[in-house]
C-alpha atoms as a PDB file:
ATOM      1  CA  MET A   1     132.717  57.741 111.622  1.00  0.00           C
ATOM      2  CA  ASP A   2     130.148  55.504 113.091  1.00  0.00           C
ATOM      3  CA  ALA A   3     126.269  56.268 112.980  1.00  0.00           C
ATOM      4  CA  ALA A   4     126.345  57.520 116.563  1.00  0.00           C
ATOM      5  CA  SER A   5     128.897  59.968 115.402  1.00  0.00           C
ATOM      6  CA  LYS A   6     126.950  61.093 112.347  1.00  0.00           C
ATOM      7  CA  ASN A   7     123.914  61.782 114.383  1.00  0.00           C
ATOM      8  CA  THR A   8     125.569  63.756 117.251  1.00  0.00           C
ATOM      9  CA  GLY A   9     128.520  65.508 115.189  1.00  0.00           C
ATOM     10  CA  PRO A  10     132.061  66.113 116.426  1.00  0.00           C
ATOM     11  CA  LEU A  11     132.564  65.371 120.053  1.00  0.00           C
ATOM     12  CA  HIS A  12     133.489  69.068 121.010  1.00  0.00           C
ATOM     13  CA  SER A  13     131.076  69.509 123.824  1.00  0.00           C
ATOM     14  CA  PRO A  14     129.556  67.350 126.753  1.00  0.00           C
ATOM     15  CA  VAL A  15     126.214  67.749 125.133  1.00  0.00           C
ATOM     16  CA  ASN A  16     127.431  65.976 121.855  1.00  0.00           C
ATOM     17  CA  VAL A  17     129.227  63.281 123.962  1.00  0.00           C
ATOM     18  CA  GLN A  18     125.994  62.583 126.096  1.00  0.00           C
ATOM     19  CA  ASN A  19     123.839  62.235 122.756  1.00  0.00           C
ATOM     20  CA  ARG A  20     126.228  60.049 121.203  1.00  0.00           C
ATOM     21  CA  LEU A  21     126.111  57.739 124.609  1.00  0.00           C
ATOM     22  CA  ASN A  22     122.271  57.901 124.604  1.00  0.00           C
ATOM     23  CA  ILE A  23     122.335  56.650 120.783  1.00  0.00           C
ATOM     24  CA  LEU A  24     124.672  53.901 121.705  1.00  0.00           C
ATOM     25  CA  ILE A  25     122.818  52.954 124.814  1.00  0.00           C
ATOM     26  CA  GLY A  26     119.508  52.593 122.497  1.00  0.00           C
ATOM     27  CA  GLN A  27     121.426  50.442 119.963  1.00  0.00           C
ATOM     28  CA  ARG A  28     122.540  48.266 122.883  1.00  0.00           C
ATOM     29  CA  ASP A  29     119.037  47.894 124.276  1.00  0.00           C
ATOM     30  CA  LEU A  30     117.894  46.912 120.647  1.00  0.00           C
ATOM     31  CA  ILE A  31     120.469  44.278 120.286  1.00  0.00           C
ATOM     32  CA  GLN A  32     119.724  43.027 123.730  1.00  0.00           C
ATOM     33  CA  GLN A  33     115.995  42.608 122.790  1.00  0.00           C
ATOM     34  CA  GLN A  34     116.727  40.841 119.616  1.00  0.00           C
ATOM     35  CA  ARG A  35     119.116  38.520 121.451  1.00  0.00           C
ATOM     36  CA  ASP A  36     116.480  37.822 123.866  1.00  0.00           C
ATOM     37  CA  ARG A  37     113.889  36.927 121.436  1.00  0.00           C
ATOM     38  CA  ARG A  38     116.249  34.621 119.476  1.00  0.00           C
ATOM     39  CA  ALA A  39     117.159  32.845 122.772  1.00  0.00           C
ATOM     40  CA  ALA A  40     113.173  32.429 123.591  1.00  0.00           C
ATOM     41  CA  ASP A  41     112.822  31.041 120.064  1.00  0.00           C
ATOM     42  CA  LEU A  42     115.680  28.617 120.418  1.00  0.00           C
ATOM     43  CA  ALA A  43     114.347  27.469 123.715  1.00  0.00           C
ATOM     44  CA  ALA A  44     110.939  26.894 122.302  1.00  0.00           C
ATOM     45  CA  VAL A  45     112.516  24.789 119.384  1.00  0.00           C
ATOM     46  CA  SER A  46     114.460  22.958 121.712  1.00  0.00           C
ATOM     47  CA  GLU A  47     111.363  22.056 123.777  1.00  0.00           C
ATOM     48  CA  TYR A  48     109.560  21.044 120.940  1.00  0.00           C
ATOM     49  CA  LEU A  49     112.316  18.682 119.594  1.00  0.00           C
ATOM     50  CA  GLY A  50     112.315  17.240 123.123  1.00  0.00           C
ATOM     51  CA  ILE A  51     108.849  16.149 123.114  1.00  0.00           C
ATOM     52  CA  ALA A  52     108.406  15.660 119.231  1.00  0.00           C
ATOM     53  CA  ASP A  53     108.666  11.759 119.549  1.00  0.00           C
ATOM     54  CA  ALA A  54     106.293  11.573 122.362  1.00  0.00           C
ATOM     55  CA  VAL A  55     103.753  13.769 120.329  1.00  0.00           C
ATOM     56  CA  ASP A  56     104.111  11.611 117.414  1.00  0.00           C
ATOM     57  CA  GLU A  57     103.351   8.508 119.512  1.00  0.00           C
ATOM     58  CA  ALA A  58     100.370  10.059 121.376  1.00  0.00           C
ATOM     59  CA  LEU A  59      98.778  11.024 117.901  1.00  0.00           C
ATOM     60  CA  GLU A  60      99.459   7.635 116.425  1.00  0.00           C
ATOM     61  CA  SER A  61      97.882   6.028 119.455  1.00  0.00           C
ATOM     62  CA  LEU A  62      94.934   8.406 119.201  1.00  0.00           C
ATOM     63  CA  SER A  63      94.736   7.621 115.370  1.00  0.00           C
ATOM     64  CA  GLU A  64      94.620   3.850 116.283  1.00  0.00           C
ATOM     65  CA  GLN A  65      91.736   4.523 118.692  1.00  0.00           C
ATOM     66  CA  LEU A  66      89.815   6.573 116.105  1.00  0.00           C
ATOM     67  CA  PHE A  67      90.315   4.491 113.164  1.00  0.00           C
ATOM     68  CA  GLY A  68      90.548   1.163 114.778  1.00  0.00           C
ATOM     69  CA  LYS A  69      87.015   0.326 114.846  1.00  0.00           C
ATOM     70  CA  ILE A  70      86.316   1.668 111.385  1.00  0.00           C
ATOM     71  CA  VAL A  71      88.952  -0.309 109.785  1.00  0.00           C
ATOM     72  CA  THR A  72      87.652  -3.592 111.544  1.00  0.00           C
ATOM     73  CA  VAL A  73      84.134  -2.790 110.148  1.00  0.00           C
ATOM     74  CA  LEU A  74      85.583  -2.063 106.570  1.00  0.00           C
ATOM     75  CA  GLU A  75      87.593  -5.238 106.551  1.00  0.00           C
ATOM     76  CA  GLN A  76      84.888  -7.668 107.822  1.00  0.00           C
ATOM     77  CA  ASN A  77      82.006  -6.178 105.763  1.00  0.00           C
ATOM     78  CA  LEU A  78      83.912  -5.623 102.789  1.00  0.00           C
ATOM     79  CA  THR A  79      85.530  -9.036 102.815  1.00  0.00           C
ATOM     80  CA  LEU A  80      82.124 -10.754 103.098  1.00  0.00           C
ATOM     81  CA  ALA A  81      80.833  -8.647  99.949  1.00  0.00           C
ATOM     82  CA  LEU A  82      83.944  -9.552  97.911  1.00  0.00           C
ATOM     83  CA  ALA A  83      83.278 -13.311  98.847  1.00  0.00           C
ATOM     84  CA  ASP A  84      79.620 -13.232  98.205  1.00  0.00           C
ATOM     85  CA  VAL A  85      79.751 -11.535  94.688  1.00  0.00           C
ATOM     86  CA  LEU A  86      82.912 -13.011  93.363  1.00  0.00           C
ATOM     87  CA  GLU A  87      82.941 -16.482  95.191  1.00  0.00           C
ATOM     88  CA  GLN A  88      86.772 -16.212  95.701  1.00  0.00           C
ATOM     89  CA  PRO A  89      88.926 -16.351  98.929  1.00  0.00           C
ATOM     90  CA  ILE A  90      89.760 -12.607  98.762  1.00  0.00           C
ATOM     91  CA  GLU A  91      90.212 -10.504 101.777  1.00  0.00           C
ATOM     92  CA  LEU A  92      90.376  -6.749 102.179  1.00  0.00           C
ATOM     93  CA  LYS A  93      93.334  -5.474 104.252  1.00  0.00           C
ATOM     94  CA  VAL A  94      93.351  -1.889 105.408  1.00  0.00           C
ATOM     95  CA  ASP A  95      97.061  -0.361 106.303  1.00  0.00           C
ATOM     96  CA  ARG A  96      97.186   2.195 108.743  1.00  0.00           C
ATOM     97  CA  ALA A  97      99.981   4.951 109.164  1.00  0.00           C
ATOM     98  CA  TYR A  98     100.665   8.228 110.483  1.00  0.00           C
ATOM     99  CA  LYS A  99     102.733  10.307 108.362  1.00  0.00           C
ATOM    100  CA  ARG A 100     103.572  14.069 108.393  1.00  0.00           C
ATOM    101  CA  GLY A 101     101.211  15.017 111.131  1.00  0.00           C
ATOM    102  CA  ALA A 102      98.132  13.060 109.314  1.00  0.00           C
ATOM    103  CA  ALA A 103      96.533   9.756 109.777  1.00  0.00           C
ATOM    104  CA  THR A 104      96.383   7.875 106.307  1.00  0.00           C
ATOM    105  CA  ILE A 105      95.038   4.539 105.371  1.00  0.00           C
ATOM    106  CA  SER A 106      95.659   2.354 102.072  1.00  0.00           C
ATOM    107  CA  PHE A 107      93.914  -0.719 100.937  1.00  0.00           C
ATOM    108  CA  HIS A 108      94.796  -3.844  99.224  1.00  0.00           C
ATOM    109  CA  VAL A 109      93.460  -7.585  99.052  1.00  0.00           C
ATOM    110  CA  GLU A 110      95.039 -10.762 100.071  1.00  0.00           C
ATOM    111  CA  ARG A 111      94.438 -14.093  98.526  1.00  0.00           C
ATOM    112  CA  ASN A 112      95.703 -17.035 100.393  1.00  0.00           C
ATOM    113  CA  GLY A 113      97.979 -14.736 102.463  1.00  0.00           C
ATOM    114  CA  HIS A 114      99.668 -13.256  99.304  1.00  0.00           C
ATOM    115  CA  ALA A 115      98.927  -9.461  98.896  1.00  0.00           C
ATOM    116  CA  GLU A 116      97.255  -8.222  95.623  1.00  0.00           C
ATOM    117  CA  ASP A 117      97.026  -4.776  93.989  1.00  0.00           C
ATOM    118  CA  ILE A 118      93.118  -3.919  93.986  1.00  0.00           C
ATOM    119  CA  MET A 119      93.524  -2.197  90.665  1.00  0.00           C
ATOM    120  CA  LYS A 120      95.323  -5.056  88.854  1.00  0.00           C
ATOM    121  CA  GLY A 121      93.903  -8.636  88.192  1.00  0.00           C
ATOM    122  CA  GLN A 122      90.403  -9.849  88.178  1.00  0.00           C
ATOM    123  CA  GLY A 123      89.387  -7.306  85.414  1.00  0.00           C
ATOM    124  CA  GLY A 124      88.550  -4.613  87.768  1.00  0.00           C
ATOM    125  CA  SER A 125      85.697  -6.502  89.479  1.00  0.00           C
ATOM    126  CA  VAL A 126      87.426  -6.414  92.855  1.00  0.00           C
ATOM    127  CA  ALA A 127      87.600  -2.452  92.603  1.00  0.00           C
ATOM    128  CA  ASN A 128      83.963  -2.478  91.316  1.00  0.00           C
ATOM    129  CA  VAL A 129      82.878  -4.306  94.708  1.00  0.00           C
ATOM    130  CA  LEU A 130      84.932  -2.371  97.033  1.00  0.00           C
ATOM    131  CA  SER A 131      83.996   1.048  95.654  1.00  0.00           C
ATOM    132  CA  VAL A 132      80.312   0.450  95.931  1.00  0.00           C
ATOM    133  CA  GLY A 133      80.869  -0.563  99.810  1.00  0.00           C
ATOM    134  CA  LEU A 134      83.237   2.420 100.364  1.00  0.00           C
ATOM    135  CA  ARG A 135      80.797   4.784  98.854  1.00  0.00           C
ATOM    136  CA  MET A 136      78.056   3.629 101.058  1.00  0.00           C
ATOM    137  CA  PHE A 137      80.243   3.679 103.999  1.00  0.00           C
ATOM    138  CA  ALA A 138      81.155   7.297 103.291  1.00  0.00           C
ATOM    139  CA  LEU A 139      77.787   8.427 102.698  1.00  0.00           C
ATOM    140  CA  LYS A 140      76.630   6.809 105.940  1.00  0.00           C
ATOM    141  CA  THR A 141      79.067   8.975 107.919  1.00  0.00           C
ATOM    142  CA  LEU A 142      77.432  12.184 106.615  1.00  0.00           C
ATOM    143  CA  ASP A 143      74.893  14.137 108.490  1.00  0.00           C
ATOM    144  CA  PRO A 144      71.415  13.075 107.167  1.00  0.00           C
ATOM    145  CA  ALA A 145      70.104  16.546 107.728  1.00  0.00           C
ATOM    146  CA  VAL A 146      72.774  18.035 105.208  1.00  0.00           C
ATOM    147  CA  HIS A 147      73.193  14.929 102.855  1.00  0.00           C
ATOM    148  CA  ARG A 148      70.247  12.922 101.531  1.00  0.00           C
ATOM    149  CA  ARG A 149      70.610   9.214 101.792  1.00  0.00           C
ATOM    150  CA  PHE A 150      70.653   8.950  98.017  1.00  0.00           C
ATOM    151  CA  LEU A 151      73.415   7.055  95.838  1.00  0.00           C
ATOM    152  CA  VAL A 152      73.670   6.670  92.150  1.00  0.00           C
ATOM    153  CA  LEU A 153      75.950   3.922  90.741  1.00  0.00           C
ATOM    154  CA  ASP A 154      76.877   4.366  87.346  1.00  0.00           C
ATOM    155  CA  GLU A 155      78.128   1.328  85.513  1.00  0.00           C
ATOM    156  CA  GLN A 156      79.310   0.028  88.792  1.00  0.00           C
ATOM    157  CA  ASP A 157      79.174  -3.456  87.426  1.00  0.00           C
ATOM    158  CA  CYS A 158      80.970  -2.720  84.247  1.00  0.00           C
ATOM    159  CA  TRP A 159      84.020  -5.129  84.973  1.00  0.00           C
ATOM    160  CA  LEU A 160      81.846  -8.142  86.246  1.00  0.00           C
ATOM    161  CA  ARG A 161      80.773 -11.087  84.381  1.00  0.00           C
ATOM    162  CA  PRO A 162      76.957 -11.108  83.519  1.00  0.00           C
ATOM    163  CA  ASP A 163      76.326 -14.130  85.936  1.00  0.00           C
ATOM    164  CA  LEU A 164      77.768 -12.184  88.887  1.00  0.00           C
ATOM    165  CA  VAL A 165      75.741  -9.153  88.367  1.00  0.00           C
ATOM    166  CA  PRO A 166      72.869 -10.186  90.307  1.00  0.00           C
ATOM    167  CA  ARG A 167      75.094 -11.038  93.217  1.00  0.00           C
ATOM    168  CA  LEU A 168      76.292  -7.193  93.360  1.00  0.00           C
ATOM    169  CA  VAL A 169      72.501  -6.201  92.849  1.00  0.00           C
ATOM    170  CA  LYS A 170      71.510  -8.280  95.954  1.00  0.00           C
ATOM    171  CA  ILE A 171      74.540  -6.612  98.184  1.00  0.00           C
ATOM    172  CA  VAL A 172      73.442  -3.227  97.071  1.00  0.00           C
ATOM    173  CA  HIS A 173      69.759  -3.779  97.803  1.00  0.00           C
ATOM    174  CA  GLU A 174      70.098  -5.522 101.227  1.00  0.00           C
ATOM    175  CA  ALA A 175      72.825  -2.704 102.323  1.00  0.00           C
ATOM    176  CA  GLY A 176      70.680  -0.060 100.993  1.00  0.00           C
ATOM    177  CA  ARG A 177      67.532  -1.305 102.964  1.00  0.00           C
ATOM    178  CA  GLU A 178      69.601  -1.539 106.184  1.00  0.00           C
ATOM    179  CA  LEU A 179      71.074   1.638 105.927  1.00  0.00           C
ATOM    180  CA  GLY A 180      68.131   3.627 104.615  1.00  0.00           C
ATOM    181  CA  PHE A 181      69.541   4.551 101.359  1.00  0.00           C
ATOM    182  CA  GLN A 182      67.732   5.135  97.964  1.00  0.00           C
ATOM    183  CA  VAL A 183      70.008   3.775  95.149  1.00  0.00           C
ATOM    184  CA  ILE A 184      69.863   4.018  91.394  1.00  0.00           C
ATOM    185  CA  MET A 185      72.140   1.427  89.437  1.00  0.00           C
ATOM    186  CA  ILE A 186      72.928   2.375  85.814  1.00  0.00           C
ATOM    187  CA  SER A 187      73.898  -0.650  83.823  1.00  0.00           C
ATOM    188  CA  HIS A 188      74.330  -1.828  80.226  1.00  0.00           C
ATOM    189  CA  HIS A 189      73.884  -5.440  81.573  1.00  0.00           C
ATOM    190  CA  ASP A 190      70.590  -7.129  80.648  1.00  0.00           C
ATOM    191  CA  SER A 191      67.819  -5.768  82.771  1.00  0.00           C
ATOM    192  CA  SER A 192      66.665  -9.211  83.957  1.00  0.00           C
ATOM    193  CA  ALA A 193      69.807  -9.411  86.107  1.00  0.00           C
ATOM    194  CA  PHE A 194      68.204  -6.665  88.268  1.00  0.00           C
ATOM    195  CA  GLU A 195      64.615  -8.029  88.361  1.00  0.00           C
ATOM    196  CA  LYS A 196      65.027 -10.433  91.590  1.00  0.00           C
ATOM    197  CA  PHE A 197      66.424  -7.788  93.779  1.00  0.00           C
ATOM    198  CA  ALA A 198      65.746  -4.144  92.376  1.00  0.00           C
ATOM    199  CA  ASP A 199      62.534  -2.573  93.737  1.00  0.00           C
ATOM    200  CA  LYS A 200      62.022  -1.097  90.276  1.00  0.00           C
ATOM    201  CA  THR A 201      63.632  -1.667  87.038  1.00  0.00           C
ATOM    202  CA  TYR A 202      63.639   0.497  83.860  1.00  0.00           C
ATOM    203  CA  GLU A 203      64.846   0.369  80.464  1.00  0.00           C
ATOM    204  CA  ILE A 204      66.238   3.220  78.372  1.00  0.00           C
ATOM    205  CA  VAL A 205      65.829   2.258  74.656  1.00  0.00           C
ATOM    206  CA  PRO A 206      66.565   4.227  71.516  1.00  0.00           C
ATOM    207  CA  THR A 207      63.603   5.592  69.464  1.00  0.00           C
ATOM    208  CA  ALA A 208      63.285   7.574  66.229  1.00  0.00           C
ATOM    209  CA  HIS A 209      62.779  10.771  68.203  1.00  0.00           C
ATOM    210  CA  GLY A 210      65.432  10.131  70.804  1.00  0.00           C
ATOM    211  CA  VAL A 211      65.042   7.639  73.737  1.00  0.00           C
ATOM    212  CA  GLU A 212      62.492   6.547  75.983  1.00  0.00           C
ATOM    213  CA  MET A 213      62.192   4.825  79.360  1.00  0.00           C
ATOM    214  CA  ASN A 214      60.054   1.787  80.045  1.00  0.00           C
ATOM    215  CA  GLU A 215      59.277   0.048  83.414  1.00  0.00           C
ATOM    216  CA  ARG A 216      60.332  -3.386  83.086  1.00  0.00           C
ATOM    217  CA  LYS A 217      57.693  -5.747  84.727  1.00  0.00           C
ATOM    218  CA  ALA A 218      59.264  -8.785  86.673  1.00  0.00           C
ATOM    219  CA  ALA A 219      58.347 -12.135  85.373  1.00  0.00           C
ATOM    220  CA  PRO A 220      55.646 -13.788  87.487  1.00  0.00           C
ATOM    221  CA  ALA A 221      57.354 -16.375  89.961  1.00  0.00           C
ATOM    222  CA  LYS A 222      56.867 -20.057  88.738  1.00  0.00           C
ATOM    223  CA  PRO A 223      54.829 -22.104  91.367  1.00  0.00           C
ATOM    224  CA  ASP A 224      56.729 -24.470  93.370  1.00  0.00           C
ATOM    225  CA  ARG A 225      56.126 -28.206  92.277  1.00  0.00           C
END
């Protein structure tokens, strides 16, 4: 016995037959609606698959337009920073891609045309320089009404040789002035490495009661002979 028969009882009268017919008609209409919805979903999927490649190409082109200028600025300026600080023929390269619906970028450096991992070799000095530049660039893109142009660099020179530290300080000082940043650099290197370029230099020294901070006065410039 089907569902319609259970709801209408035995077919002993025209009324029961009509009731059963009405139920079957309702079931037919419901099945028809479900089929129509599935057909519409299938058509939408087919349409999407038909334009998916074109959409990906359009998004990739848009990504190129949006990030192309930014990438060029990063490559040019950070390559100059690497050359100024490390005095080596290292170039920053930015790789762009469009994966899983999102634009992505990754970084590597090249020396004489050969790719190198930023995090390997150079004792971390390449990563030191690049991370300073990328932080400044990121801060520059933020709304100054919401984010103050204030940057703290904690041990950002930790992998640099002592003789290279003033070069990094010079880059940070010049970039900070140009971009309107206030920058505080914290370092374990000798404070004399900062005196030539920093506006103010302080030394934090241990005492019997804790620590104290003393402003270090720059040595007077020697007269030219």
